[in-house]
Structure formats: C-alpha cells, structure tokens
Amino acid sequence: MNRAPQREYIRKEDVASTTVATDSKFITGAIDAYQQQDVAFLDLPGAFLCTLMDEKVIMTLSGELCELMCMVEPKLYRKYVCRDKNGNQSFMSSCISCYMY
C-alpha cells in the first residue's frame, strides 16, 4: 500500500484507490484457493483512462497493443515506435481523458 500523503487540496472523503494492492490480491487469492474456491485474476487494460484527469498522463503502449495502434493509423503512430534490446516494440503517448459518464 502506498502511504504517500494525498494532495492537500483534495479532501480525504473524496479520495479513493482504483487499484487493489498487489499483495492483498495474491493473499486473498491464496486463501480462496486453499479453501478450494475457484480463483481468477483479471486486468482491464486502460480502465483508468475512463476517469476525470486533471494532470498530464503519459502512457506506454507495447507489444500487440502497439502494433494494433499502428495498424489503425500507421502514418500517425509508426514513426514513434521504438524497439528494446529484445526486439519488443512500444511507444509513448500523452493521454486525453475519455470520461464518458
């Protein structure tokens, strides 16, 4: 759990964590598995992008997601793609909130 203080201008009642702590997730999963319950973990990529953001957010797209973006709009994205020493491709992008609710 990150114990860093919240920004002073945000009231404590208005602050919520959208991500479960990794340790909590695995401990709970281990207990459930020990009790012979079915256990599955799921990640929704980009789910945090559907929130209101008041700060600049830089996102790294890599692997298949990077390739899909390049297939959608090659002239726009292909020039920003770089490869790491293992040949994996990625690019960084600035995000604009897509809050839809």
C-alpha atoms as a PDB file:
ATOM      1  CA  MET A   1       0.000   0.000   0.000  1.00  0.00           C
ATOM      2  CA  ASN A   2       1.366   3.411  -0.952  1.00  0.00           C
ATOM      3  CA  ARG A   3       1.483   5.568   2.176  1.00  0.00           C
ATOM      4  CA  ALA A   4       2.359   8.793   0.355  1.00  0.00           C
ATOM      5  CA  PRO A   5       0.237  11.727   1.539  1.00  0.00           C
ATOM      6  CA  GLN A   6      -2.627  12.847  -0.689  1.00  0.00           C
ATOM      7  CA  ARG A   7      -2.604  16.248  -2.308  1.00  0.00           C
ATOM      8  CA  GLU A   8      -3.672  18.836   0.224  1.00  0.00           C
ATOM      9  CA  TYR A   9      -6.435  20.347  -1.927  1.00  0.00           C
ATOM     10  CA  ILE A  10      -8.309  17.038  -2.200  1.00  0.00           C
ATOM     11  CA  ARG A  11     -10.488  16.173   0.772  1.00  0.00           C
ATOM     12  CA  LYS A  12      -9.843  12.773   2.305  1.00  0.00           C
ATOM     13  CA  GLU A  13     -13.520  11.796   1.778  1.00  0.00           C
ATOM     14  CA  ASP A  14     -13.138  12.353  -1.984  1.00  0.00           C
ATOM     15  CA  VAL A  15     -10.072  10.142  -2.393  1.00  0.00           C
ATOM     16  CA  ALA A  16     -10.366   6.503  -3.461  1.00  0.00           C
ATOM     17  CA  SER A  17      -7.926   3.977  -4.789  1.00  0.00           C
ATOM     18  CA  THR A  18      -8.978   2.405  -8.074  1.00  0.00           C
ATOM     19  CA  THR A  19      -6.317  -0.310  -7.888  1.00  0.00           C
ATOM     20  CA  VAL A  20      -6.102  -3.084  -5.325  1.00  0.00           C
ATOM     21  CA  ALA A  21      -2.736  -3.617  -3.653  1.00  0.00           C
ATOM     22  CA  THR A  22      -0.870  -6.490  -5.321  1.00  0.00           C
ATOM     23  CA  ASP A  23      -0.098  -8.215  -2.013  1.00  0.00           C
ATOM     24  CA  SER A  24      -3.770  -8.093  -0.990  1.00  0.00           C
ATOM     25  CA  LYS A  25      -4.842  -9.592  -4.285  1.00  0.00           C
ATOM     26  CA  PHE A  26      -2.465 -12.550  -4.018  1.00  0.00           C
ATOM     27  CA  ILE A  27      -3.093 -13.194  -0.313  1.00  0.00           C
ATOM     28  CA  THR A  28      -6.854 -13.237  -0.868  1.00  0.00           C
ATOM     29  CA  GLY A  29      -6.406 -15.487  -3.915  1.00  0.00           C
ATOM     30  CA  ALA A  30      -4.214 -17.897  -1.968  1.00  0.00           C
ATOM     31  CA  ILE A  31      -6.761 -18.140   0.858  1.00  0.00           C
ATOM     32  CA  ASP A  32      -9.598 -18.727  -1.613  1.00  0.00           C
ATOM     33  CA  ALA A  33      -7.576 -21.407  -3.458  1.00  0.00           C
ATOM     34  CA  TYR A  34      -6.715 -23.102  -0.145  1.00  0.00           C
ATOM     35  CA  GLN A  35     -10.466 -23.205   0.587  1.00  0.00           C
ATOM     36  CA  GLN A  36     -10.876 -24.910  -2.819  1.00  0.00           C
ATOM     37  CA  GLN A  37     -12.722 -21.973  -4.332  1.00  0.00           C
ATOM     38  CA  ASP A  38     -12.257 -21.027  -7.969  1.00  0.00           C
ATOM     39  CA  VAL A  39      -9.798 -18.142  -8.313  1.00  0.00           C
ATOM     40  CA  ALA A  40      -9.162 -15.895 -11.310  1.00  0.00           C
ATOM     41  CA  PHE A  41      -7.464 -12.530 -11.717  1.00  0.00           C
ATOM     42  CA  LEU A  42      -8.480 -10.114 -14.445  1.00  0.00           C
ATOM     43  CA  ASP A  43      -6.939  -6.911 -15.705  1.00  0.00           C
ATOM     44  CA  LEU A  44      -8.864  -4.391 -17.774  1.00  0.00           C
ATOM     45  CA  PRO A  45      -6.220  -2.550 -19.783  1.00  0.00           C
ATOM     46  CA  GLY A  46      -6.894   1.146 -19.996  1.00  0.00           C
ATOM     47  CA  ALA A  47      -9.755   1.105 -17.477  1.00  0.00           C
ATOM     48  CA  PHE A  48      -8.168   4.024 -15.632  1.00  0.00           C
ATOM     49  CA  LEU A  49      -8.472   6.132 -18.803  1.00  0.00           C
ATOM     50  CA  CYS A  50     -12.236   6.441 -18.271  1.00  0.00           C
ATOM     51  CA  THR A  51     -11.765   8.758 -15.309  1.00  0.00           C
ATOM     52  CA  LEU A  52     -11.523  12.501 -14.977  1.00  0.00           C
ATOM     53  CA  MET A  53      -7.872  13.568 -15.049  1.00  0.00           C
ATOM     54  CA  ASP A  54      -6.546  16.978 -14.107  1.00  0.00           C
ATOM     55  CA  GLU A  55      -2.915  16.146 -14.832  1.00  0.00           C
ATOM     56  CA  LYS A  56      -0.887  15.170 -17.879  1.00  0.00           C
ATOM     57  CA  VAL A  57      -0.660  11.387 -18.173  1.00  0.00           C
ATOM     58  CA  ILE A  58       1.931   9.626 -20.324  1.00  0.00           C
ATOM     59  CA  MET A  59       1.044   6.080 -21.339  1.00  0.00           C
ATOM     60  CA  THR A  60       3.343   3.436 -22.827  1.00  0.00           C
ATOM     61  CA  LEU A  61       1.749   1.094 -25.344  1.00  0.00           C
ATOM     62  CA  SER A  62       3.745  -2.039 -26.053  1.00  0.00           C
ATOM     63  CA  GLY A  63       3.541  -5.380 -27.813  1.00  0.00           C
ATOM     64  CA  GLU A  64       0.284  -6.260 -29.526  1.00  0.00           C
ATOM     65  CA  LEU A  65      -1.432  -3.038 -28.442  1.00  0.00           C
ATOM     66  CA  CYS A  66       1.356  -1.007 -30.040  1.00  0.00           C
ATOM     67  CA  GLU A  67       1.020  -2.997 -33.255  1.00  0.00           C
ATOM     68  CA  LEU A  68      -2.768  -2.605 -33.297  1.00  0.00           C
ATOM     69  CA  MET A  69      -2.471   1.165 -32.959  1.00  0.00           C
ATOM     70  CA  CYS A  70      -0.020   1.187 -35.864  1.00  0.00           C
ATOM     71  CA  MET A  71      -2.428  -0.876 -37.954  1.00  0.00           C
ATOM     72  CA  VAL A  72      -5.261   1.570 -37.216  1.00  0.00           C
ATOM     73  CA  GLU A  73      -3.292   4.706 -38.117  1.00  0.00           C
ATOM     74  CA  PRO A  74       0.170   3.823 -39.481  1.00  0.00           C
ATOM     75  CA  LYS A  75       1.099   7.331 -40.653  1.00  0.00           C
ATOM     76  CA  LEU A  76       0.436   8.742 -37.193  1.00  0.00           C
ATOM     77  CA  TYR A  77       1.922   6.091 -34.885  1.00  0.00           C
ATOM     78  CA  ARG A  78       4.579   4.119 -36.807  1.00  0.00           C
ATOM     79  CA  LYS A  79       7.180   6.921 -36.647  1.00  0.00           C
ATOM     80  CA  TYR A  80       7.067   6.908 -32.815  1.00  0.00           C
ATOM     81  CA  VAL A  81       7.590   3.158 -32.358  1.00  0.00           C
ATOM     82  CA  CYS A  82      10.905   2.054 -30.879  1.00  0.00           C
ATOM     83  CA  ARG A  83      12.287  -1.378 -30.016  1.00  0.00           C
ATOM     84  CA  ASP A  84      14.081  -2.505 -26.887  1.00  0.00           C
ATOM     85  CA  LYS A  85      17.130  -4.805 -26.876  1.00  0.00           C
ATOM     86  CA  ASN A  86      14.822  -7.860 -27.096  1.00  0.00           C
ATOM     87  CA  GLY A  87      13.026  -6.518 -30.166  1.00  0.00           C
ATOM     88  CA  ASN A  88       9.796  -5.662 -28.330  1.00  0.00           C
ATOM     89  CA  GLN A  89       8.145  -2.579 -29.798  1.00  0.00           C
ATOM     90  CA  SER A  90       6.476   0.238 -27.883  1.00  0.00           C
ATOM     91  CA  PHE A  91       5.686   3.930 -27.994  1.00  0.00           C
ATOM     92  CA  MET A  92       4.657   6.591 -25.504  1.00  0.00           C
ATOM     93  CA  SER A  93       1.602   8.773 -25.850  1.00  0.00           C
ATOM     94  CA  SER A  94       0.074  11.662 -23.964  1.00  0.00           C
ATOM     95  CA  CYS A  95      -3.479  10.903 -22.821  1.00  0.00           C
ATOM     96  CA  ILE A  96      -6.625  12.960 -23.034  1.00  0.00           C
ATOM     97  CA  SER A  97      -9.376  11.856 -20.685  1.00  0.00           C
ATOM     98  CA  CYS A  98     -12.213   9.923 -22.290  1.00  0.00           C
ATOM     99  CA  TYR A  99     -14.617  10.298 -19.382  1.00  0.00           C
ATOM    100  CA  MET A 100     -17.993   9.141 -20.706  1.00  0.00           C
ATOM    101  CA  TYR A 101     -20.335   9.049 -17.720  1.00  0.00           C
END
